[in-house]
Amino acid sequence: MKILIFGAGAIGSVIGGFLAKAGHNVSFLGRPWHMEKISRDGLAISGIWGEQLIKGIEVFNSISEIDGEFDLIVLTVKSYNTEEAAEKISSIFVNNPLVVHLQNGLGNREILLEYIPEDRLITGIVIFGVEIAPGEVKVTVSADDTVLGATGSAGVEESEVKKIVDIFIGSKIPARITDNIDSYIWSKVLYNCALNPLATLLECPYGLLAEISHTRDIMNQVIEEIYKVGKKIGVEFEPGTSDEYRKLFYSKLIPLTKEHHASMLQDIRMGKPTEIDALCGAISRYGEEYGVETPVNRLLTSLIKAIESKVH
């Protein structure tokens, strides 16, 4: 396939690198500091999925440089860049490619659907951690497969989603299909909201948060608020209750990622905005809309926003 990785940062570079290594015709659209090193020396991938050096990836710094058609566009931009990216994708949407968006937070799909036909949009989540440096990415942890699914009555045919899943698996990217992607999106939101802000504020790995009673209490409250909000909206959570999720969270999810540092912390250290508005901020907004109190998510949003203001 001819594939464009739109927003080839940490996650996008790993996905695109493995797709290119498997023989697909992959192009990257990303930041000059990363693209220039890849163009010159190739993309170095290290970590728990092995050591790779992939050369020959075509790179772009701007959408204006792209002149061609793609079979698949993999969107991995931060949530605050979703609308800008959607507008740009629509400008190169010349042969009706499939678009897979692998993003954190809530609201991304709704924005994308304003620019991309529903029967061409596949929603996905990733739960692996990556550290990035110019021309290099390191896969540090993985808690689950990449999960892909269509949404809505006019969504992508299951056979087309399955085709992309098979391509990922064939490229050594653990993946599977689901018929309830919303459940996975909200599970990822639970995970990110409970861990990322606290790990950023305290500058510590995820595992330490589970060991300290004070941070466990905060994470428990974050999870409880999200379940209350989600139930009001009509989310079909998996697991079905907050108690069941907490058991999974502490027994499996945190142990698998206990050494990981939040990507939110990496963003702060690089002087970049965070995705807090699509995480705890989104929960707070939904809470206001549906009459559910979310004081802990609101406080975490404010604290991260304060750090962003200080950095900028």
C-alpha atoms as a PDB file:
ATOM      1  CA  MET A   1       0.000   0.000   0.000  1.00  0.00           C
ATOM      2  CA  LYS A   2       0.963   3.612  -0.466  1.00  0.00           C
ATOM      3  CA  ILE A   3       0.678   5.049   3.037  1.00  0.00           C
ATOM      4  CA  LEU A   4       1.029   8.546   4.507  1.00  0.00           C
ATOM      5  CA  ILE A   5       1.799   8.919   8.203  1.00  0.00           C
ATOM      6  CA  PHE A   6       0.249  12.304   8.945  1.00  0.00           C
ATOM      7  CA  GLY A   7       1.933  13.639  12.072  1.00  0.00           C
ATOM      8  CA  ALA A   8       4.967  11.364  12.214  1.00  0.00           C
ATOM      9  CA  GLY A   9       6.023  11.954  15.779  1.00  0.00           C
ATOM     10  CA  ALA A  10       6.593   9.238  18.373  1.00  0.00           C
ATOM     11  CA  ILE A  11       3.628   6.921  17.732  1.00  0.00           C
ATOM     12  CA  GLY A  12       3.410   7.678  14.021  1.00  0.00           C
ATOM     13  CA  SER A  13       7.090   6.969  13.454  1.00  0.00           C
ATOM     14  CA  VAL A  14       6.838   3.542  15.087  1.00  0.00           C
ATOM     15  CA  ILE A  15       3.733   2.592  13.095  1.00  0.00           C
ATOM     16  CA  GLY A  16       5.165   3.955   9.857  1.00  0.00           C
ATOM     17  CA  GLY A  17       8.583   2.468  10.434  1.00  0.00           C
ATOM     18  CA  PHE A  18       7.253  -1.055  10.840  1.00  0.00           C
ATOM     19  CA  LEU A  19       4.932  -0.638   7.837  1.00  0.00           C
ATOM     20  CA  ALA A  20       7.901   0.506   5.728  1.00  0.00           C
ATOM     21  CA  LYS A  21      10.076  -2.359   6.951  1.00  0.00           C
ATOM     22  CA  ALA A  22       7.326  -4.777   5.839  1.00  0.00           C
ATOM     23  CA  GLY A  23       7.583  -3.406   2.299  1.00  0.00           C
ATOM     24  CA  HIS A  24       4.840  -0.800   2.094  1.00  0.00           C
ATOM     25  CA  ASN A  25       5.458   2.503   0.332  1.00  0.00           C
ATOM     26  CA  VAL A  26       5.440   4.827   3.351  1.00  0.00           C
ATOM     27  CA  SER A  27       5.779   8.610   3.490  1.00  0.00           C
ATOM     28  CA  PHE A  28       6.071  10.745   6.629  1.00  0.00           C
ATOM     29  CA  LEU A  29       4.653  14.216   7.225  1.00  0.00           C
ATOM     30  CA  GLY A  30       6.188  15.672  10.363  1.00  0.00           C
ATOM     31  CA  ARG A  31       8.367  18.251  12.064  1.00  0.00           C
ATOM     32  CA  PRO A  32      11.583  19.324  10.278  1.00  0.00           C
ATOM     33  CA  TRP A  33      13.831  18.451  13.250  1.00  0.00           C
ATOM     34  CA  HIS A  34      12.694  14.813  12.992  1.00  0.00           C
ATOM     35  CA  MET A  35      12.132  14.547   9.217  1.00  0.00           C
ATOM     36  CA  GLU A  36      15.556  15.908   8.265  1.00  0.00           C
ATOM     37  CA  LYS A  37      17.380  13.331  10.388  1.00  0.00           C
ATOM     38  CA  ILE A  38      15.243  10.501   8.978  1.00  0.00           C
ATOM     39  CA  SER A  39      15.866  11.694   5.427  1.00  0.00           C
ATOM     40  CA  ARG A  40      19.617  11.812   5.997  1.00  0.00           C
ATOM     41  CA  ASP A  41      20.259   8.767   8.203  1.00  0.00           C
ATOM     42  CA  GLY A  42      17.067   6.695   8.231  1.00  0.00           C
ATOM     43  CA  LEU A  43      14.667   5.999  11.101  1.00  0.00           C
ATOM     44  CA  ALA A  44      16.121   4.156  14.101  1.00  0.00           C
ATOM     45  CA  ILE A  45      13.627   2.154  16.167  1.00  0.00           C
ATOM     46  CA  SER A  46      14.691   0.552  19.441  1.00  0.00           C
ATOM     47  CA  GLY A  47      13.125  -0.849  22.590  1.00  0.00           C
ATOM     48  CA  ILE A  48      10.948  -3.807  23.422  1.00  0.00           C
ATOM     49  CA  TRP A  49       9.995  -4.504  19.780  1.00  0.00           C
ATOM     50  CA  GLY A  50      13.601  -4.839  18.650  1.00  0.00           C
ATOM     51  CA  GLU A  51      16.286  -2.799  16.945  1.00  0.00           C
ATOM     52  CA  GLN A  52      15.539  -1.510  13.442  1.00  0.00           C
ATOM     53  CA  LEU A  53      17.046   0.989  11.021  1.00  0.00           C
ATOM     54  CA  ILE A  54      14.690   1.810   8.168  1.00  0.00           C
ATOM     55  CA  LYS A  55      15.975   3.855   5.265  1.00  0.00           C
ATOM     56  CA  GLY A  56      14.277   5.198   2.166  1.00  0.00           C
ATOM     57  CA  ILE A  57      11.190   6.693   3.849  1.00  0.00           C
ATOM     58  CA  GLU A  58       9.972   9.710   1.891  1.00  0.00           C
ATOM     59  CA  VAL A  59       9.526  12.686   4.207  1.00  0.00           C
ATOM     60  CA  PHE A  60       7.577  15.935   3.982  1.00  0.00           C
ATOM     61  CA  ASN A  61       7.655  18.989   6.234  1.00  0.00           C
ATOM     62  CA  SER A  62       4.512  20.579   4.781  1.00  0.00           C
ATOM     63  CA  ILE A  63       1.291  19.449   3.132  1.00  0.00           C
ATOM     64  CA  SER A  64       2.151  21.730   0.199  1.00  0.00           C
ATOM     65  CA  GLU A  65       5.058  19.420  -0.683  1.00  0.00           C
ATOM     66  CA  ILE A  66       2.753  16.430  -1.221  1.00  0.00           C
ATOM     67  CA  ASP A  67       1.750  15.682  -4.780  1.00  0.00           C
ATOM     68  CA  GLY A  68       0.329  12.195  -5.096  1.00  0.00           C
ATOM     69  CA  GLU A  69      -2.311   9.725  -4.043  1.00  0.00           C
ATOM     70  CA  PHE A  70      -2.413   7.415  -1.031  1.00  0.00           C
ATOM     71  CA  ASP A  71      -4.299   4.224  -0.270  1.00  0.00           C
ATOM     72  CA  LEU A  72      -4.136   4.830   3.468  1.00  0.00           C
ATOM     73  CA  ILE A  73      -3.557   7.869   5.683  1.00  0.00           C
ATOM     74  CA  VAL A  74      -2.620   7.171   9.306  1.00  0.00           C
ATOM     75  CA  LEU A  75      -3.324  10.241  11.436  1.00  0.00           C
ATOM     76  CA  THR A  76      -1.303  10.501  14.647  1.00  0.00           C
ATOM     77  CA  VAL A  77      -1.365  14.206  15.455  1.00  0.00           C
ATOM     78  CA  LYS A  78      -2.087  15.536  18.933  1.00  0.00           C
ATOM     79  CA  SER A  79      -5.745  16.195  19.668  1.00  0.00           C
ATOM     80  CA  TYR A  80      -5.322  19.988  19.643  1.00  0.00           C
ATOM     81  CA  ASN A  81      -4.162  19.739  15.992  1.00  0.00           C
ATOM     82  CA  THR A  82      -7.044  17.538  14.808  1.00  0.00           C
ATOM     83  CA  GLU A  83      -9.090  20.181  12.994  1.00  0.00           C
ATOM     84  CA  GLU A  84      -6.097  21.682  11.200  1.00  0.00           C
ATOM     85  CA  ALA A  85      -4.995  18.187  10.151  1.00  0.00           C
ATOM     86  CA  ALA A  86      -8.513  17.291   8.968  1.00  0.00           C
ATOM     87  CA  GLU A  87      -8.626  20.357   6.735  1.00  0.00           C
ATOM     88  CA  LYS A  88      -5.273  19.447   5.220  1.00  0.00           C
ATOM     89  CA  ILE A  89      -6.247  15.806   4.692  1.00  0.00           C
ATOM     90  CA  SER A  90      -9.375  16.908   2.856  1.00  0.00           C
ATOM     91  CA  SER A  91      -7.151  18.867   0.449  1.00  0.00           C
ATOM     92  CA  ILE A  92      -5.283  15.695  -0.598  1.00  0.00           C
ATOM     93  CA  PHE A  93      -8.304  13.384  -0.462  1.00  0.00           C
ATOM     94  CA  VAL A  94      -8.077  12.708  -4.192  1.00  0.00           C
ATOM     95  CA  ASN A  95      -8.694   8.954  -4.497  1.00  0.00           C
ATOM     96  CA  ASN A  96     -10.915   8.285  -1.481  1.00  0.00           C
ATOM     97  CA  PRO A  97      -8.240   6.740   0.772  1.00  0.00           C
ATOM     98  CA  LEU A  98      -8.976   5.118   4.099  1.00  0.00           C
ATOM     99  CA  VAL A  99      -8.038   7.263   7.099  1.00  0.00           C
ATOM    100  CA  VAL A 100      -7.059   5.621  10.386  1.00  0.00           C
ATOM    101  CA  HIS A 101      -6.783   8.024  13.303  1.00  0.00           C
ATOM    102  CA  LEU A 102      -4.812   6.861  16.333  1.00  0.00           C
ATOM    103  CA  GLN A 103      -5.215   9.649  18.871  1.00  0.00           C
ATOM    104  CA  ASN A 104      -5.747  10.283  22.552  1.00  0.00           C
ATOM    105  CA  GLY A 105      -8.820  11.796  24.094  1.00  0.00           C
ATOM    106  CA  LEU A 106     -12.425  12.568  23.224  1.00  0.00           C
ATOM    107  CA  GLY A 107     -13.888  14.561  20.342  1.00  0.00           C
ATOM    108  CA  ASN A 108     -11.338  13.790  17.602  1.00  0.00           C
ATOM    109  CA  ARG A 109     -13.626  11.594  15.514  1.00  0.00           C
ATOM    110  CA  GLU A 110     -16.442  14.145  15.602  1.00  0.00           C
ATOM    111  CA  ILE A 111     -14.097  16.836  14.246  1.00  0.00           C
ATOM    112  CA  LEU A 112     -12.712  14.525  11.550  1.00  0.00           C
ATOM    113  CA  LEU A 113     -16.199  13.615  10.333  1.00  0.00           C
ATOM    114  CA  GLU A 114     -16.739  17.241   9.359  1.00  0.00           C
ATOM    115  CA  TYR A 115     -14.059  16.767   6.678  1.00  0.00           C
ATOM    116  CA  ILE A 116     -13.792  13.009   5.997  1.00  0.00           C
ATOM    117  CA  PRO A 117     -16.634  10.723   4.854  1.00  0.00           C
ATOM    118  CA  GLU A 118     -17.793   8.325   7.576  1.00  0.00           C
ATOM    119  CA  ASP A 119     -17.304   5.322   5.297  1.00  0.00           C
ATOM    120  CA  ARG A 120     -13.580   6.163   4.962  1.00  0.00           C
ATOM    121  CA  LEU A 121     -12.753   6.822   8.635  1.00  0.00           C
ATOM    122  CA  ILE A 122     -11.418   4.134  10.977  1.00  0.00           C
ATOM    123  CA  THR A 123     -10.964   4.922  14.667  1.00  0.00           C
ATOM    124  CA  GLY A 124      -8.204   3.262  16.656  1.00  0.00           C
ATOM    125  CA  ILE A 125      -6.310   3.335  19.919  1.00  0.00           C
ATOM    126  CA  VAL A 126      -2.741   2.480  20.804  1.00  0.00           C
ATOM    127  CA  ILE A 127      -1.509   1.551  24.257  1.00  0.00           C
ATOM    128  CA  PHE A 128       2.226   1.477  23.772  1.00  0.00           C
ATOM    129  CA  GLY A 129       4.668   4.086  24.986  1.00  0.00           C
ATOM    130  CA  VAL A 130       7.361   5.749  22.888  1.00  0.00           C
ATOM    131  CA  GLU A 131      10.237   8.124  23.551  1.00  0.00           C
ATOM    132  CA  ILE A 132      11.420  10.283  20.678  1.00  0.00           C
ATOM    133  CA  ALA A 133      14.625  12.047  19.643  1.00  0.00           C
ATOM    134  CA  PRO A 134      15.595  13.377  16.208  1.00  0.00           C
ATOM    135  CA  GLY A 135      15.484  10.417  13.823  1.00  0.00           C
ATOM    136  CA  GLU A 136      14.965   7.937  16.657  1.00  0.00           C
ATOM    137  CA  VAL A 137      12.041   6.354  18.515  1.00  0.00           C
ATOM    138  CA  LYS A 138      12.150   3.875  21.376  1.00  0.00           C
ATOM    139  CA  VAL A 139       9.181   1.648  22.259  1.00  0.00           C
ATOM    140  CA  THR A 140       9.324   1.528  26.056  1.00  0.00           C
ATOM    141  CA  VAL A 141       6.139  -0.298  27.104  1.00  0.00           C
ATOM    142  CA  SER A 142       3.064  -1.981  25.637  1.00  0.00           C
ATOM    143  CA  ALA A 143      -0.119  -2.764  27.556  1.00  0.00           C
ATOM    144  CA  ASP A 144      -2.331  -4.029  24.712  1.00  0.00           C
ATOM    145  CA  ASP A 145      -2.772  -4.420  20.951  1.00  0.00           C
ATOM    146  CA  THR A 146      -3.561  -1.529  18.659  1.00  0.00           C
ATOM    147  CA  VAL A 147      -7.363  -1.791  18.296  1.00  0.00           C
ATOM    148  CA  LEU A 148      -9.248  -0.599  15.204  1.00  0.00           C
ATOM    149  CA  GLY A 149     -12.967  -0.272  14.528  1.00  0.00           C
ATOM    150  CA  ALA A 150     -15.573   1.534  12.436  1.00  0.00           C
ATOM    151  CA  THR A 151     -18.309   3.666  13.943  1.00  0.00           C
ATOM    152  CA  GLY A 152     -21.799   4.683  12.916  1.00  0.00           C
ATOM    153  CA  SER A 153     -24.313   3.088  10.578  1.00  0.00           C
ATOM    154  CA  ALA A 154     -22.445   4.449   7.547  1.00  0.00           C
ATOM    155  CA  GLY A 155     -19.022   3.397   8.788  1.00  0.00           C
ATOM    156  CA  VAL A 156     -16.241   1.571   6.977  1.00  0.00           C
ATOM    157  CA  GLU A 157     -17.043  -1.990   5.974  1.00  0.00           C
ATOM    158  CA  GLU A 158     -15.741  -4.565   8.455  1.00  0.00           C
ATOM    159  CA  SER A 159     -13.759  -6.268   5.688  1.00  0.00           C
ATOM    160  CA  GLU A 160     -11.817  -3.050   5.052  1.00  0.00           C
ATOM    161  CA  VAL A 161     -11.053  -2.604   8.750  1.00  0.00           C
ATOM    162  CA  LYS A 162      -9.923  -6.235   8.890  1.00  0.00           C
ATOM    163  CA  LYS A 163      -7.636  -5.607   5.906  1.00  0.00           C
ATOM    164  CA  ILE A 164      -5.852  -2.795   7.765  1.00  0.00           C
ATOM    165  CA  VAL A 165      -5.594  -4.917  10.920  1.00  0.00           C
ATOM    166  CA  ASP A 166      -4.015  -7.709   8.858  1.00  0.00           C
ATOM    167  CA  ILE A 167      -1.544  -5.236   7.341  1.00  0.00           C
ATOM    168  CA  PHE A 168      -0.563  -4.057  10.826  1.00  0.00           C
ATOM    169  CA  ILE A 169      -0.136  -7.633  12.067  1.00  0.00           C
ATOM    170  CA  GLY A 170       1.875  -8.509   8.952  1.00  0.00           C
ATOM    171  CA  SER A 171       4.143  -5.564   9.784  1.00  0.00           C
ATOM    172  CA  LYS A 172       4.767  -6.880  13.330  1.00  0.00           C
ATOM    173  CA  ILE A 173       2.436  -4.331  14.935  1.00  0.00           C
ATOM    174  CA  PRO A 174       0.162  -6.199  17.401  1.00  0.00           C
ATOM    175  CA  ALA A 175      -3.411  -5.354  16.406  1.00  0.00           C
ATOM    176  CA  ARG A 176      -7.018  -6.552  16.448  1.00  0.00           C
ATOM    177  CA  ILE A 177     -10.481  -5.458  15.298  1.00  0.00           C
ATOM    178  CA  THR A 178     -13.478  -4.557  17.469  1.00  0.00           C
ATOM    179  CA  ASP A 179     -17.147  -3.827  16.829  1.00  0.00           C
ATOM    180  CA  ASN A 180     -17.271  -1.504  19.869  1.00  0.00           C
ATOM    181  CA  ILE A 181     -14.449   0.980  19.428  1.00  0.00           C
ATOM    182  CA  ASP A 182     -16.171   3.543  21.694  1.00  0.00           C
ATOM    183  CA  SER A 183     -15.619   1.240  24.665  1.00  0.00           C
ATOM    184  CA  TYR A 184     -11.890   1.163  23.906  1.00  0.00           C
ATOM    185  CA  ILE A 185     -11.715   4.918  23.436  1.00  0.00           C
ATOM    186  CA  TRP A 186     -13.234   5.489  26.869  1.00  0.00           C
ATOM    187  CA  SER A 187     -10.979   2.841  28.426  1.00  0.00           C
ATOM    188  CA  LYS A 188      -7.965   4.685  27.028  1.00  0.00           C
ATOM    189  CA  VAL A 189      -9.380   7.954  28.372  1.00  0.00           C
ATOM    190  CA  LEU A 190      -9.713   6.357  31.821  1.00  0.00           C
ATOM    191  CA  TYR A 191      -6.094   5.201  31.658  1.00  0.00           C
ATOM    192  CA  ASN A 192      -4.751   8.536  30.409  1.00  0.00           C
ATOM    193  CA  CYS A 193      -6.780  10.747  32.747  1.00  0.00           C
ATOM    194  CA  ALA A 194      -5.857   8.721  35.812  1.00  0.00           C
ATOM    195  CA  LEU A 195      -2.129   8.555  35.035  1.00  0.00           C
ATOM    196  CA  ASN A 196      -0.871  11.296  32.741  1.00  0.00           C
ATOM    197  CA  PRO A 197      -1.634  14.485  34.705  1.00  0.00           C
ATOM    198  CA  LEU A 198      -0.357  13.129  38.022  1.00  0.00           C
ATOM    199  CA  ALA A 199       2.746  11.578  36.446  1.00  0.00           C
ATOM    200  CA  THR A 200       3.407  14.945  34.802  1.00  0.00           C
ATOM    201  CA  LEU A 201       2.815  17.042  37.907  1.00  0.00           C
ATOM    202  CA  LEU A 202       5.015  14.774  40.062  1.00  0.00           C
ATOM    203  CA  GLU A 203       7.496  13.946  37.277  1.00  0.00           C
ATOM    204  CA  CYS A 204       7.418  10.264  38.160  1.00  0.00           C
ATOM    205  CA  PRO A 205       6.748   6.935  36.398  1.00  0.00           C
ATOM    206  CA  TYR A 206       3.300   5.379  36.470  1.00  0.00           C
ATOM    207  CA  GLY A 207       4.254   2.632  38.912  1.00  0.00           C
ATOM    208  CA  LEU A 208       5.066   5.083  41.697  1.00  0.00           C
ATOM    209  CA  LEU A 209       1.567   6.562  41.508  1.00  0.00           C
ATOM    210  CA  ALA A 210       0.102   3.182  42.460  1.00  0.00           C
ATOM    211  CA  GLU A 211       2.460   2.804  45.425  1.00  0.00           C
ATOM    212  CA  ILE A 212       1.529   6.075  47.149  1.00  0.00           C
ATOM    213  CA  SER A 213      -1.818   6.080  48.965  1.00  0.00           C
ATOM    214  CA  HIS A 214      -2.452   9.767  48.221  1.00  0.00           C
ATOM    215  CA  THR A 215      -2.070   9.374  44.464  1.00  0.00           C
ATOM    216  CA  ARG A 216      -4.085   6.142  44.474  1.00  0.00           C
ATOM    217  CA  ASP A 217      -6.929   8.053  46.119  1.00  0.00           C
ATOM    218  CA  ILE A 218      -6.771  10.742  43.436  1.00  0.00           C
ATOM    219  CA  MET A 219      -6.696   8.190  40.610  1.00  0.00           C
ATOM    220  CA  ASN A 220      -9.650   6.353  42.139  1.00  0.00           C
ATOM    221  CA  GLN A 221     -11.649   9.579  42.178  1.00  0.00           C
ATOM    222  CA  VAL A 222     -10.710  10.352  38.563  1.00  0.00           C
ATOM    223  CA  ILE A 223     -11.934   6.901  37.503  1.00  0.00           C
ATOM    224  CA  GLU A 224     -15.169   7.231  39.496  1.00  0.00           C
ATOM    225  CA  GLU A 225     -15.968  10.612  37.934  1.00  0.00           C
ATOM    226  CA  ILE A 226     -15.370   9.296  34.410  1.00  0.00           C
ATOM    227  CA  TYR A 227     -17.669   6.316  34.963  1.00  0.00           C
ATOM    228  CA  LYS A 228     -20.413   8.625  36.255  1.00  0.00           C
ATOM    229  CA  VAL A 229     -20.066  10.935  33.254  1.00  0.00           C
ATOM    230  CA  GLY A 230     -19.872   8.074  30.774  1.00  0.00           C
ATOM    231  CA  LYS A 231     -22.927   6.349  32.187  1.00  0.00           C
ATOM    232  CA  LYS A 232     -24.900   9.590  31.780  1.00  0.00           C
ATOM    233  CA  ILE A 233     -23.819   9.804  28.142  1.00  0.00           C
ATOM    234  CA  GLY A 234     -24.621   6.159  27.503  1.00  0.00           C
ATOM    235  CA  VAL A 235     -21.130   4.716  27.201  1.00  0.00           C
ATOM    236  CA  GLU A 236     -20.917   0.918  27.343  1.00  0.00           C
ATOM    237  CA  PHE A 237     -17.854   0.581  29.533  1.00  0.00           C
ATOM    238  CA  GLU A 238     -15.702  -2.522  29.528  1.00  0.00           C
ATOM    239  CA  PRO A 239     -15.354  -3.484  32.370  1.00  0.00           C
ATOM    240  CA  GLY A 240     -18.882  -2.437  33.252  1.00  0.00           C
ATOM    241  CA  THR A 241     -18.211  -0.895  36.685  1.00  0.00           C
ATOM    242  CA  SER A 242     -15.585   1.407  38.154  1.00  0.00           C
ATOM    243  CA  ASP A 243     -14.707  -1.201  40.791  1.00  0.00           C
ATOM    244  CA  GLU A 244     -13.959  -3.766  38.082  1.00  0.00           C
ATOM    245  CA  TYR A 245     -11.892  -1.242  36.150  1.00  0.00           C
ATOM    246  CA  ARG A 246      -9.815  -0.333  39.214  1.00  0.00           C
ATOM    247  CA  LYS A 247      -8.988  -4.013  39.741  1.00  0.00           C
ATOM    248  CA  LEU A 248      -7.799  -4.253  36.129  1.00  0.00           C
ATOM    249  CA  PHE A 249      -5.977  -0.936  36.373  1.00  0.00           C
ATOM    250  CA  TYR A 250      -3.901  -1.856  39.420  1.00  0.00           C
ATOM    251  CA  SER A 251      -3.423  -5.561  38.706  1.00  0.00           C
ATOM    252  CA  LYS A 252      -2.550  -5.428  34.997  1.00  0.00           C
ATOM    253  CA  LEU A 253      -2.392  -2.035  33.313  1.00  0.00           C
ATOM    254  CA  ILE A 254      -0.053  -0.226  35.698  1.00  0.00           C
ATOM    255  CA  PRO A 255       2.309  -3.209  36.198  1.00  0.00           C
ATOM    256  CA  LEU A 256       2.734  -3.450  32.408  1.00  0.00           C
ATOM    257  CA  THR A 257       3.667   0.241  32.186  1.00  0.00           C
ATOM    258  CA  LYS A 258       5.120   0.904  35.646  1.00  0.00           C
ATOM    259  CA  GLU A 259       8.411   2.354  34.343  1.00  0.00           C
ATOM    260  CA  HIS A 260       6.773   4.589  31.755  1.00  0.00           C
ATOM    261  CA  HIS A 261       6.873   8.387  31.927  1.00  0.00           C
ATOM    262  CA  ALA A 262       3.839  10.222  30.556  1.00  0.00           C
ATOM    263  CA  SER A 263       3.930  11.627  27.044  1.00  0.00           C
ATOM    264  CA  MET A 264       2.302  14.674  28.638  1.00  0.00           C
ATOM    265  CA  LEU A 265       5.482  15.200  30.658  1.00  0.00           C
ATOM    266  CA  GLN A 266       7.547  14.874  27.478  1.00  0.00           C
ATOM    267  CA  ASP A 267       5.359  17.557  25.883  1.00  0.00           C
ATOM    268  CA  ILE A 268       5.873  19.919  28.830  1.00  0.00           C
ATOM    269  CA  ARG A 269       9.645  19.393  28.770  1.00  0.00           C
ATOM    270  CA  MET A 270       9.682  20.144  25.026  1.00  0.00           C
ATOM    271  CA  GLY A 271       7.695  23.342  25.570  1.00  0.00           C
ATOM    272  CA  LYS A 272       4.671  21.974  23.705  1.00  0.00           C
ATOM    273  CA  PRO A 273       0.962  22.118  24.610  1.00  0.00           C
ATOM    274  CA  THR A 274      -0.543  19.004  26.182  1.00  0.00           C
ATOM    275  CA  GLU A 275      -3.719  17.067  25.356  1.00  0.00           C
ATOM    276  CA  ILE A 276      -5.320  17.793  28.727  1.00  0.00           C
ATOM    277  CA  ASP A 277      -8.332  19.509  27.086  1.00  0.00           C
ATOM    278  CA  ALA A 278      -9.228  16.255  25.284  1.00  0.00           C
ATOM    279  CA  LEU A 279      -8.759  14.224  28.484  1.00  0.00           C
ATOM    280  CA  CYS A 280      -9.655  15.531  31.947  1.00  0.00           C
ATOM    281  CA  GLY A 281     -10.845  18.773  30.356  1.00  0.00           C
ATOM    282  CA  ALA A 282     -13.304  16.900  28.147  1.00  0.00           C
ATOM    283  CA  ILE A 283     -14.606  14.962  31.162  1.00  0.00           C
ATOM    284  CA  SER A 284     -15.185  18.244  32.993  1.00  0.00           C
ATOM    285  CA  ARG A 285     -17.061  19.729  30.021  1.00  0.00           C
ATOM    286  CA  TYR A 286     -19.250  16.642  29.686  1.00  0.00           C
ATOM    287  CA  GLY A 287     -19.844  16.764  33.423  1.00  0.00           C
ATOM    288  CA  GLU A 288     -21.137  20.313  33.204  1.00  0.00           C
ATOM    289  CA  GLU A 289     -23.335  19.416  30.232  1.00  0.00           C
ATOM    290  CA  TYR A 290     -24.863  16.342  31.898  1.00  0.00           C
ATOM    291  CA  GLY A 291     -25.006  17.602  35.478  1.00  0.00           C
ATOM    292  CA  VAL A 292     -22.234  15.413  36.937  1.00  0.00           C
ATOM    293  CA  GLU A 293     -19.718  16.871  39.394  1.00  0.00           C
ATOM    294  CA  THR A 294     -16.099  16.312  38.290  1.00  0.00           C
ATOM    295  CA  PRO A 295     -13.970  18.300  40.770  1.00  0.00           C
ATOM    296  CA  VAL A 296     -10.835  16.133  40.510  1.00  0.00           C
ATOM    297  CA  ASN A 297     -10.733  16.101  36.712  1.00  0.00           C
ATOM    298  CA  ARG A 298     -11.362  19.852  36.738  1.00  0.00           C
ATOM    299  CA  LEU A 299      -8.525  20.461  39.215  1.00  0.00           C
ATOM    300  CA  LEU A 300      -6.054  18.313  37.250  1.00  0.00           C
ATOM    301  CA  THR A 301      -6.990  20.216  34.083  1.00  0.00           C
ATOM    302  CA  SER A 302      -6.331  23.547  35.794  1.00  0.00           C
ATOM    303  CA  LEU A 303      -2.988  22.423  37.230  1.00  0.00           C
ATOM    304  CA  ILE A 304      -1.715  21.164  33.869  1.00  0.00           C
ATOM    305  CA  LYS A 305      -2.923  24.348  32.168  1.00  0.00           C
ATOM    306  CA  ALA A 306      -1.031  26.356  34.795  1.00  0.00           C
ATOM    307  CA  ILE A 307       2.178  24.438  34.004  1.00  0.00           C
ATOM    308  CA  GLU A 308       1.608  25.025  30.286  1.00  0.00           C
ATOM    309  CA  SER A 309       1.271  28.759  30.973  1.00  0.00           C
ATOM    310  CA  LYS A 310       4.483  28.733  32.990  1.00  0.00           C
ATOM    311  CA  VAL A 311       6.403  26.866  30.254  1.00  0.00           C
ATOM    312  CA  HIS A 312       5.124  29.131  27.502  1.00  0.00           C
END
